[in-house]
Amino acid sequence: MKMPHQVNKTYAISVIGVIIFTLSLMVSQLWSISPAEAVIRSMEEAPGKIMIQSRQTLKDDQNSPWQVVLFAHKNQLELRLVGFPGRDKFAHPGTLEINLINGQKLIAKDEFIKKSPADNVGQFDLSPLANQLPKDQSIALSLPLTQGKCLLTIPAAVVVEWQALIQQKDTL
């Protein structure tokens, strides 16, 4: 018959083993994620018309999530931003301010001047700005919303992915 202190010792060793196993699994998962790895999708929209895209969910300065989709066709580069329905409403027509680390400000034109598919969706033409975007530095987007400006930071790893998409666009 085991004594109570032996049972507690066996239980403690089992719990420690489970904790170590769980932590090692978590660490191995973290090491297997590569944020710089590009996840660029391509799809055929119509015969001979290929679209490529990069899609992320990022949080703004108010900790609200946004779907951020950069997509391209042969001669077109568009950024679509989708906020939460009922909360986020774009001011159309508006311009998207792209703030670079060096203080430079780029302006992207609203593609939904006449009609947006929904109030919470904005789409902006980045084609004329593609060569001015940084290669590997974060940028800050100032979104033109009806309730005022909202700041959305695009991390450097996403900007690197966007640059890969821009290069791939040139081969379409």
N, C-alpha and C. Protein backbone atom coordinates (compact mmCIF):
# COMPACT_ATOMS: atom_id res chain seq x y z
N MET A 1 0.83 -1.17 0.00
CA MET A 1 0.00 0.00 0.00
C MET A 1 0.89 1.25 0.00
N LYS A 2 0.53 2.25 -0.91
CA LYS A 2 1.32 3.47 -1.02
C LYS A 2 0.93 4.42 0.09
N MET A 3 1.90 5.11 0.54
CA MET A 3 1.69 6.11 1.58
C MET A 3 1.19 7.39 0.90
N PRO A 4 0.42 8.26 1.60
CA PRO A 4 -0.12 9.49 0.99
C PRO A 4 0.94 10.37 0.36
N HIS A 5 2.13 10.48 0.96
CA HIS A 5 3.16 11.34 0.37
C HIS A 5 3.70 10.74 -0.92
N GLN A 6 3.67 9.39 -1.07
CA GLN A 6 4.10 8.76 -2.31
C GLN A 6 3.08 9.01 -3.43
N VAL A 7 1.80 9.02 -3.10
CA VAL A 7 0.75 9.30 -4.09
C VAL A 7 0.89 10.73 -4.58
N ASN A 8 1.08 11.68 -3.66
CA ASN A 8 1.24 13.08 -4.04
C ASN A 8 2.47 13.28 -4.91
N LYS A 9 3.54 12.57 -4.60
CA LYS A 9 4.78 12.67 -5.38
C LYS A 9 4.56 12.14 -6.80
N THR A 10 3.88 11.01 -6.94
CA THR A 10 3.59 10.42 -8.24
C THR A 10 2.69 11.36 -9.05
N TYR A 11 1.68 11.92 -8.41
CA TYR A 11 0.77 12.87 -9.07
C TYR A 11 1.53 14.11 -9.55
N ALA A 12 2.40 14.65 -8.69
CA ALA A 12 3.17 15.85 -9.04
C ALA A 12 4.08 15.58 -10.24
N ILE A 13 4.72 14.40 -10.26
CA ILE A 13 5.60 14.04 -11.38
C ILE A 13 4.78 13.92 -12.67
N SER A 14 3.59 13.36 -12.59
CA SER A 14 2.71 13.23 -13.76
C SER A 14 2.29 14.60 -14.28
N VAL A 15 1.92 15.49 -13.38
CA VAL A 15 1.50 16.83 -13.77
C VAL A 15 2.66 17.57 -14.42
N ILE A 16 3.83 17.47 -13.85
CA ILE A 16 5.02 18.13 -14.41
C ILE A 16 5.31 17.57 -15.81
N GLY A 17 5.17 16.28 -15.99
CA GLY A 17 5.39 15.65 -17.30
C GLY A 17 4.42 16.19 -18.35
N VAL A 18 3.15 16.33 -17.97
CA VAL A 18 2.15 16.86 -18.89
C VAL A 18 2.47 18.31 -19.24
N ILE A 19 2.87 19.10 -18.26
CA ILE A 19 3.21 20.51 -18.50
C ILE A 19 4.41 20.61 -19.44
N ILE A 20 5.44 19.82 -19.19
CA ILE A 20 6.63 19.85 -20.06
C ILE A 20 6.28 19.43 -21.48
N PHE A 21 5.47 18.41 -21.62
CA PHE A 21 5.04 17.95 -22.94
C PHE A 21 4.26 19.06 -23.67
N THR A 22 3.33 19.70 -22.98
CA THR A 22 2.52 20.76 -23.57
C THR A 22 3.40 21.94 -23.99
N LEU A 23 4.31 22.36 -23.12
CA LEU A 23 5.20 23.47 -23.45
C LEU A 23 6.09 23.14 -24.66
N SER A 24 6.59 21.92 -24.71
CA SER A 24 7.45 21.55 -25.84
C SER A 24 6.66 21.54 -27.15
N LEU A 25 5.40 21.13 -27.10
CA LEU A 25 4.55 21.19 -28.28
C LEU A 25 4.32 22.63 -28.73
N MET A 26 4.05 23.50 -27.77
CA MET A 26 3.81 24.91 -28.09
C MET A 26 5.06 25.54 -28.70
N VAL A 27 6.22 25.28 -28.14
CA VAL A 27 7.46 25.84 -28.66
C VAL A 27 7.74 25.32 -30.06
N SER A 28 7.51 24.03 -30.29
CA SER A 28 7.76 23.48 -31.63
C SER A 28 6.82 24.10 -32.66
N GLN A 29 5.58 24.43 -32.26
CA GLN A 29 4.65 25.10 -33.17
C GLN A 29 5.13 26.51 -33.49
N LEU A 30 5.64 27.22 -32.50
CA LEU A 30 6.15 28.57 -32.74
C LEU A 30 7.32 28.56 -33.70
N TRP A 31 8.20 27.59 -33.55
CA TRP A 31 9.38 27.52 -34.43
C TRP A 31 9.00 27.15 -35.85
N SER A 32 7.89 26.47 -36.04
CA SER A 32 7.53 26.05 -37.39
C SER A 32 6.81 27.14 -38.16
N ILE A 33 6.44 28.25 -37.50
CA ILE A 33 5.77 29.36 -38.18
C ILE A 33 6.82 30.35 -38.66
N SER A 34 6.76 30.66 -39.93
CA SER A 34 7.71 31.61 -40.51
C SER A 34 6.95 32.83 -41.01
N PRO A 35 6.98 33.96 -40.26
CA PRO A 35 6.21 35.13 -40.66
C PRO A 35 6.65 35.73 -41.98
N ALA A 36 7.89 35.50 -42.40
CA ALA A 36 8.37 36.08 -43.65
C ALA A 36 7.99 35.22 -44.86
N GLU A 37 7.42 34.05 -44.61
CA GLU A 37 7.03 33.16 -45.69
C GLU A 37 5.81 33.73 -46.41
N ALA A 38 5.92 33.95 -47.69
CA ALA A 38 4.83 34.55 -48.45
C ALA A 38 3.70 33.56 -48.66
N VAL A 39 2.48 34.05 -48.47
CA VAL A 39 1.30 33.25 -48.74
C VAL A 39 0.51 34.01 -49.81
N ILE A 40 0.94 33.83 -51.03
CA ILE A 40 0.31 34.51 -52.16
C ILE A 40 -0.51 33.47 -52.91
N ARG A 41 -1.77 33.78 -53.06
CA ARG A 41 -2.68 32.86 -53.75
C ARG A 41 -2.92 33.37 -55.17
N SER A 42 -3.07 32.44 -56.09
CA SER A 42 -3.44 32.85 -57.44
C SER A 42 -4.67 32.06 -57.85
N MET A 43 -5.52 32.71 -58.65
CA MET A 43 -6.72 32.05 -59.12
C MET A 43 -7.08 32.58 -60.49
N GLU A 44 -7.72 31.73 -61.27
CA GLU A 44 -8.16 32.14 -62.59
C GLU A 44 -9.59 32.64 -62.47
N GLU A 45 -9.78 33.95 -62.70
CA GLU A 45 -11.12 34.56 -62.59
C GLU A 45 -11.96 34.29 -63.84
N ALA A 46 -11.31 34.29 -64.96
CA ALA A 46 -11.94 34.01 -66.25
C ALA A 46 -10.85 33.38 -67.11
N PRO A 47 -11.22 32.75 -68.22
CA PRO A 47 -10.19 32.14 -69.06
C PRO A 47 -9.09 33.15 -69.43
N GLY A 48 -7.88 32.85 -69.03
CA GLY A 48 -6.74 33.70 -69.33
C GLY A 48 -6.56 34.90 -68.41
N LYS A 49 -7.46 35.09 -67.44
CA LYS A 49 -7.36 36.23 -66.52
C LYS A 49 -7.05 35.71 -65.12
N ILE A 50 -5.78 35.90 -64.73
CA ILE A 50 -5.29 35.42 -63.45
C ILE A 50 -5.27 36.57 -62.44
N MET A 51 -5.69 36.27 -61.23
CA MET A 51 -5.60 37.24 -60.14
C MET A 51 -4.74 36.61 -59.04
N ILE A 52 -3.83 37.41 -58.48
CA ILE A 52 -3.04 36.95 -57.34
C ILE A 52 -3.37 37.85 -56.15
N GLN A 53 -3.28 37.27 -54.95
CA GLN A 53 -3.64 38.05 -53.77
C GLN A 53 -2.88 37.61 -52.53
N SER A 54 -2.76 38.57 -51.63
CA SER A 54 -2.20 38.37 -50.30
C SER A 54 -3.30 38.81 -49.34
N ARG A 55 -3.60 37.98 -48.36
CA ARG A 55 -4.72 38.27 -47.46
C ARG A 55 -4.30 38.07 -46.01
N GLN A 56 -4.56 39.07 -45.19
CA GLN A 56 -4.27 39.00 -43.76
C GLN A 56 -5.43 39.59 -42.96
N THR A 57 -5.46 39.26 -41.68
CA THR A 57 -6.34 39.94 -40.74
C THR A 57 -5.42 40.66 -39.76
N LEU A 58 -5.58 41.99 -39.69
CA LEU A 58 -4.73 42.82 -38.84
C LEU A 58 -5.62 43.69 -37.96
N LYS A 59 -5.08 44.13 -36.83
CA LYS A 59 -5.84 44.98 -35.91
C LYS A 59 -5.39 46.43 -36.01
N ASP A 60 -6.37 47.34 -35.91
CA ASP A 60 -6.08 48.76 -35.99
C ASP A 60 -5.68 49.32 -34.62
N ASP A 61 -5.55 50.64 -34.54
CA ASP A 61 -5.12 51.29 -33.30
C ASP A 61 -6.16 51.20 -32.19
N GLN A 62 -7.37 50.77 -32.53
CA GLN A 62 -8.43 50.57 -31.52
C GLN A 62 -8.60 49.09 -31.20
N ASN A 63 -7.67 48.25 -31.73
CA ASN A 63 -7.68 46.80 -31.53
C ASN A 63 -8.85 46.11 -32.24
N SER A 64 -9.37 46.74 -33.30
CA SER A 64 -10.45 46.15 -34.09
C SER A 64 -9.84 45.44 -35.30
N PRO A 65 -10.36 44.26 -35.64
CA PRO A 65 -9.80 43.50 -36.76
C PRO A 65 -10.25 44.03 -38.12
N TRP A 66 -9.34 43.92 -39.08
CA TRP A 66 -9.58 44.30 -40.47
C TRP A 66 -9.07 43.20 -41.38
N GLN A 67 -9.82 42.89 -42.41
CA GLN A 67 -9.31 41.99 -43.45
C GLN A 67 -8.60 42.88 -44.46
N VAL A 68 -7.35 42.56 -44.74
CA VAL A 68 -6.51 43.36 -45.62
C VAL A 68 -6.12 42.46 -46.80
N VAL A 69 -6.58 42.85 -48.00
CA VAL A 69 -6.34 42.03 -49.19
C VAL A 69 -5.67 42.88 -50.26
N LEU A 70 -4.44 42.54 -50.60
CA LEU A 70 -3.77 43.16 -51.73
C LEU A 70 -3.93 42.19 -52.90
N PHE A 71 -4.50 42.66 -54.01
CA PHE A 71 -4.65 41.76 -55.15
C PHE A 71 -4.24 42.46 -56.43
N ALA A 72 -3.87 41.64 -57.39
CA ALA A 72 -3.34 42.18 -58.64
C ALA A 72 -3.80 41.37 -59.83
N HIS A 73 -3.99 42.10 -60.92
CA HIS A 73 -4.13 41.54 -62.26
C HIS A 73 -2.93 42.06 -63.02
N LYS A 74 -2.87 41.80 -64.30
CA LYS A 74 -1.70 42.18 -65.09
C LYS A 74 -1.29 43.65 -64.92
N ASN A 75 -2.20 44.58 -65.10
CA ASN A 75 -1.86 46.01 -65.02
C ASN A 75 -2.56 46.71 -63.88
N GLN A 76 -2.87 46.00 -62.83
CA GLN A 76 -3.68 46.57 -61.76
C GLN A 76 -3.19 46.05 -60.40
N LEU A 77 -3.14 46.96 -59.42
CA LEU A 77 -2.78 46.60 -58.05
C LEU A 77 -3.76 47.31 -57.12
N GLU A 78 -4.56 46.55 -56.41
CA GLU A 78 -5.62 47.10 -55.57
C GLU A 78 -5.46 46.62 -54.13
N LEU A 79 -5.84 47.49 -53.20
CA LEU A 79 -5.86 47.14 -51.78
C LEU A 79 -7.30 47.24 -51.31
N ARG A 80 -7.85 46.12 -50.85
CA ARG A 80 -9.21 46.09 -50.32
C ARG A 80 -9.12 45.93 -48.80
N LEU A 81 -9.87 46.78 -48.11
CA LEU A 81 -9.92 46.77 -46.65
C LEU A 81 -11.36 46.52 -46.22
N VAL A 82 -11.54 45.54 -45.35
CA VAL A 82 -12.90 45.18 -44.92
C VAL A 82 -12.93 45.24 -43.40
N GLY A 83 -13.78 46.13 -42.90
CA GLY A 83 -13.97 46.28 -41.46
C GLY A 83 -15.20 45.52 -40.99
N PHE A 84 -15.54 45.71 -39.74
CA PHE A 84 -16.67 45.02 -39.15
C PHE A 84 -17.97 45.69 -39.59
N PRO A 85 -18.92 44.92 -40.15
CA PRO A 85 -20.20 45.52 -40.59
C PRO A 85 -20.92 46.19 -39.42
N GLY A 86 -21.47 47.38 -39.69
CA GLY A 86 -22.21 48.11 -38.67
C GLY A 86 -21.34 49.00 -37.80
N ARG A 87 -20.05 48.72 -37.73
CA ARG A 87 -19.15 49.53 -36.92
C ARG A 87 -18.27 50.41 -37.79
N ASP A 88 -17.68 49.83 -38.82
CA ASP A 88 -16.75 50.56 -39.68
C ASP A 88 -17.44 50.96 -40.97
N LYS A 89 -17.40 52.25 -41.29
CA LYS A 89 -18.02 52.75 -42.52
C LYS A 89 -17.04 53.68 -43.22
N PHE A 90 -16.71 53.32 -44.45
CA PHE A 90 -15.80 54.15 -45.24
C PHE A 90 -16.51 55.40 -45.73
N ALA A 91 -15.78 56.50 -45.78
CA ALA A 91 -16.27 57.75 -46.35
C ALA A 91 -15.90 57.74 -47.83
N HIS A 92 -16.88 57.50 -48.68
CA HIS A 92 -16.65 57.47 -50.13
C HIS A 92 -17.17 58.77 -50.74
N PRO A 93 -16.47 59.41 -51.65
CA PRO A 93 -15.09 59.10 -52.02
C PRO A 93 -14.13 59.60 -50.95
N GLY A 94 -13.07 58.87 -50.79
CA GLY A 94 -12.04 59.24 -49.83
C GLY A 94 -10.69 58.81 -50.36
N THR A 95 -9.64 59.21 -49.69
CA THR A 95 -8.31 58.77 -50.10
C THR A 95 -7.66 58.03 -48.94
N LEU A 96 -6.87 57.07 -49.27
CA LEU A 96 -6.12 56.30 -48.29
C LEU A 96 -4.74 56.92 -48.16
N GLU A 97 -4.37 57.29 -46.94
CA GLU A 97 -3.03 57.82 -46.70
C GLU A 97 -2.13 56.66 -46.28
N ILE A 98 -0.99 56.56 -46.94
CA ILE A 98 0.00 55.54 -46.61
C ILE A 98 1.21 56.27 -46.06
N ASN A 99 1.46 56.07 -44.78
CA ASN A 99 2.56 56.77 -44.09
C ASN A 99 3.77 55.85 -44.00
N LEU A 100 4.90 56.32 -44.55
CA LEU A 100 6.14 55.55 -44.53
C LEU A 100 6.97 55.95 -43.32
N ILE A 101 7.91 55.10 -42.95
CA ILE A 101 8.76 55.34 -41.78
C ILE A 101 9.57 56.64 -41.93
N ASN A 102 9.96 56.98 -43.15
CA ASN A 102 10.77 58.18 -43.38
C ASN A 102 9.96 59.47 -43.35
N GLY A 103 8.66 59.38 -43.04
CA GLY A 103 7.81 60.56 -42.96
C GLY A 103 7.06 60.87 -44.24
N GLN A 104 7.44 60.20 -45.32
CA GLN A 104 6.77 60.42 -46.60
C GLN A 104 5.33 59.90 -46.52
N LYS A 105 4.41 60.60 -47.20
CA LYS A 105 3.01 60.22 -47.22
C LYS A 105 2.59 59.97 -48.66
N LEU A 106 2.05 58.80 -48.93
CA LEU A 106 1.53 58.47 -50.25
C LEU A 106 0.01 58.49 -50.19
N ILE A 107 -0.63 58.83 -51.29
CA ILE A 107 -2.09 58.91 -51.33
C ILE A 107 -2.60 57.94 -52.40
N ALA A 108 -3.53 57.07 -52.00
CA ALA A 108 -4.15 56.13 -52.94
C ALA A 108 -5.60 56.53 -53.18
N LYS A 109 -6.00 56.47 -54.46
CA LYS A 109 -7.35 56.88 -54.85
C LYS A 109 -8.38 55.80 -54.51
N ASP A 110 -9.56 56.26 -54.13
CA ASP A 110 -10.70 55.41 -53.83
C ASP A 110 -11.23 54.79 -55.12
N GLU A 111 -11.39 53.48 -55.14
CA GLU A 111 -11.94 52.79 -56.30
C GLU A 111 -13.46 52.69 -56.24
N PHE A 112 -14.03 52.96 -55.08
CA PHE A 112 -15.48 52.88 -54.91
C PHE A 112 -16.08 54.28 -54.78
N ILE A 113 -15.75 55.15 -55.72
CA ILE A 113 -16.23 56.53 -55.69
C ILE A 113 -17.75 56.57 -55.82
N LYS A 114 -18.29 55.77 -56.73
CA LYS A 114 -19.74 55.80 -56.96
C LYS A 114 -20.51 54.84 -56.05
N LYS A 115 -20.05 53.62 -55.92
CA LYS A 115 -20.80 52.66 -55.13
C LYS A 115 -19.86 51.59 -54.57
N SER A 116 -19.99 51.36 -53.28
CA SER A 116 -19.22 50.32 -52.60
C SER A 116 -20.13 49.10 -52.43
N PRO A 117 -19.55 47.89 -52.44
CA PRO A 117 -20.39 46.71 -52.22
C PRO A 117 -21.02 46.70 -50.82
N ALA A 118 -20.39 47.40 -49.87
CA ALA A 118 -20.91 47.53 -48.51
C ALA A 118 -20.21 48.71 -47.84
N ASP A 119 -20.85 49.30 -46.83
CA ASP A 119 -20.27 50.45 -46.13
C ASP A 119 -18.91 50.17 -45.51
N ASN A 120 -18.71 48.93 -45.09
CA ASN A 120 -17.49 48.56 -44.37
C ASN A 120 -16.35 48.12 -45.30
N VAL A 121 -16.51 48.34 -46.61
CA VAL A 121 -15.51 47.90 -47.59
C VAL A 121 -14.93 49.12 -48.31
N GLY A 122 -13.61 49.19 -48.33
CA GLY A 122 -12.92 50.21 -49.10
C GLY A 122 -11.92 49.55 -50.03
N GLN A 123 -11.74 50.14 -51.20
CA GLN A 123 -10.77 49.59 -52.14
C GLN A 123 -10.02 50.75 -52.78
N PHE A 124 -8.69 50.60 -52.84
CA PHE A 124 -7.83 51.70 -53.26
C PHE A 124 -6.82 51.23 -54.30
N ASP A 125 -6.56 52.11 -55.26
CA ASP A 125 -5.65 51.82 -56.37
C ASP A 125 -4.20 52.08 -55.93
N LEU A 126 -3.41 51.01 -55.85
CA LEU A 126 -2.00 51.15 -55.49
C LEU A 126 -1.08 51.06 -56.71
N SER A 127 -1.65 50.88 -57.89
CA SER A 127 -0.82 50.73 -59.10
C SER A 127 0.21 51.85 -59.26
N PRO A 128 -0.19 53.13 -59.15
CA PRO A 128 0.82 54.19 -59.36
C PRO A 128 1.81 54.31 -58.20
N LEU A 129 1.55 53.63 -57.09
CA LEU A 129 2.41 53.76 -55.91
C LEU A 129 3.32 52.55 -55.70
N ALA A 130 3.16 51.51 -56.50
CA ALA A 130 3.87 50.24 -56.27
C ALA A 130 5.38 50.43 -56.12
N ASN A 131 5.98 51.28 -56.95
CA ASN A 131 7.43 51.48 -56.90
C ASN A 131 7.88 52.32 -55.72
N GLN A 132 6.94 53.00 -55.05
CA GLN A 132 7.28 53.86 -53.93
C GLN A 132 7.10 53.18 -52.57
N LEU A 133 6.47 52.01 -52.57
CA LEU A 133 6.28 51.29 -51.31
C LEU A 133 7.61 50.75 -50.82
N PRO A 134 7.83 50.72 -49.51
CA PRO A 134 9.10 50.20 -49.00
C PRO A 134 9.23 48.71 -49.30
N LYS A 135 10.46 48.24 -49.29
CA LYS A 135 10.72 46.82 -49.57
C LYS A 135 10.55 45.95 -48.33
N ASP A 136 10.90 46.48 -47.16
CA ASP A 136 10.90 45.64 -45.97
C ASP A 136 10.67 46.42 -44.67
N GLN A 137 9.90 47.49 -44.75
CA GLN A 137 9.60 48.29 -43.56
C GLN A 137 8.09 48.38 -43.38
N SER A 138 7.66 48.47 -42.15
CA SER A 138 6.23 48.59 -41.89
C SER A 138 5.73 49.94 -42.42
N ILE A 139 4.44 49.98 -42.68
CA ILE A 139 3.77 51.21 -43.10
C ILE A 139 2.51 51.37 -42.26
N ALA A 140 1.98 52.59 -42.22
CA ALA A 140 0.75 52.86 -41.48
C ALA A 140 -0.28 53.41 -42.45
N LEU A 141 -1.45 52.81 -42.45
CA LEU A 141 -2.54 53.26 -43.30
C LEU A 141 -3.50 54.10 -42.47
N SER A 142 -3.86 55.25 -42.99
CA SER A 142 -4.87 56.09 -42.35
C SER A 142 -6.15 55.92 -43.15
N LEU A 143 -7.11 55.20 -42.58
CA LEU A 143 -8.33 54.83 -43.29
C LEU A 143 -9.36 55.96 -43.21
N PRO A 144 -9.96 56.32 -44.35
CA PRO A 144 -10.97 57.38 -44.37
C PRO A 144 -12.35 56.83 -43.97
N LEU A 145 -12.67 56.92 -42.71
CA LEU A 145 -13.95 56.41 -42.21
C LEU A 145 -14.89 57.57 -41.90
N THR A 146 -16.18 57.31 -41.91
CA THR A 146 -17.16 58.35 -41.61
C THR A 146 -17.03 58.83 -40.17
N GLN A 147 -16.58 57.96 -39.28
CA GLN A 147 -16.42 58.32 -37.86
C GLN A 147 -15.04 58.89 -37.56
N GLY A 148 -14.27 59.23 -38.60
CA GLY A 148 -12.94 59.80 -38.42
C GLY A 148 -11.87 58.85 -38.91
N LYS A 149 -10.64 59.29 -38.84
CA LYS A 149 -9.52 58.47 -39.32
C LYS A 149 -9.26 57.31 -38.36
N CYS A 150 -8.77 56.24 -38.93
CA CYS A 150 -8.41 55.04 -38.18
C CYS A 150 -7.02 54.63 -38.67
N LEU A 151 -6.14 54.24 -37.78
CA LEU A 151 -4.77 53.90 -38.15
C LEU A 151 -4.59 52.38 -38.13
N LEU A 152 -4.11 51.85 -39.24
CA LEU A 152 -3.87 50.42 -39.39
C LEU A 152 -2.41 50.22 -39.79
N THR A 153 -1.65 49.56 -38.93
CA THR A 153 -0.23 49.32 -39.21
C THR A 153 -0.07 48.02 -39.98
N ILE A 154 0.67 48.09 -41.07
CA ILE A 154 0.99 46.91 -41.87
C ILE A 154 2.42 46.51 -41.50
N PRO A 155 2.58 45.35 -40.83
CA PRO A 155 3.93 44.94 -40.39
C PRO A 155 4.90 44.72 -41.55
N ALA A 156 6.16 44.82 -41.25
CA ALA A 156 7.21 44.65 -42.27
C ALA A 156 7.10 43.31 -42.99
N ALA A 157 6.77 42.24 -42.27
CA ALA A 157 6.66 40.92 -42.90
C ALA A 157 5.56 40.91 -43.96
N VAL A 158 4.49 41.64 -43.73
CA VAL A 158 3.41 41.72 -44.72
C VAL A 158 3.86 42.57 -45.91
N VAL A 159 4.59 43.64 -45.66
CA VAL A 159 5.10 44.48 -46.75
C VAL A 159 6.04 43.66 -47.64
N VAL A 160 6.85 42.81 -47.03
CA VAL A 160 7.74 41.92 -47.81
C VAL A 160 6.90 41.01 -48.70
N GLU A 161 5.82 40.48 -48.14
CA GLU A 161 4.91 39.63 -48.93
C GLU A 161 4.29 40.43 -50.07
N TRP A 162 3.90 41.67 -49.79
CA TRP A 162 3.34 42.52 -50.85
C TRP A 162 4.35 42.74 -51.97
N GLN A 163 5.61 42.92 -51.60
CA GLN A 163 6.64 43.12 -52.63
C GLN A 163 6.79 41.86 -53.50
N ALA A 164 6.68 40.70 -52.88
CA ALA A 164 6.74 39.45 -53.65
C ALA A 164 5.55 39.37 -54.61
N LEU A 165 4.38 39.81 -54.15
CA LEU A 165 3.20 39.82 -55.00
C LEU A 165 3.40 40.79 -56.17
N ILE A 166 3.94 41.96 -55.90
CA ILE A 166 4.18 42.97 -56.95
C ILE A 166 5.13 42.41 -58.01
N GLN A 167 6.17 41.71 -57.57
CA GLN A 167 7.11 41.10 -58.52
C GLN A 167 6.42 40.02 -59.34
N GLN A 168 5.59 39.22 -58.67
CA GLN A 168 4.87 38.15 -59.36
C GLN A 168 3.86 38.73 -60.34
N LYS A 169 3.26 39.86 -60.01
CA LYS A 169 2.27 40.53 -60.89
C LYS A 169 2.90 40.86 -62.24
N ASP A 170 4.15 41.27 -62.21
CA ASP A 170 4.83 41.66 -63.44
C ASP A 170 5.04 40.51 -64.39
N THR A 171 4.87 39.27 -63.92
CA THR A 171 5.02 38.10 -64.79
C THR A 171 3.69 37.59 -65.33
N LEU A 172 2.58 38.19 -64.92
CA LEU A 172 1.26 37.72 -65.39
C LEU A 172 1.05 38.00 -66.85
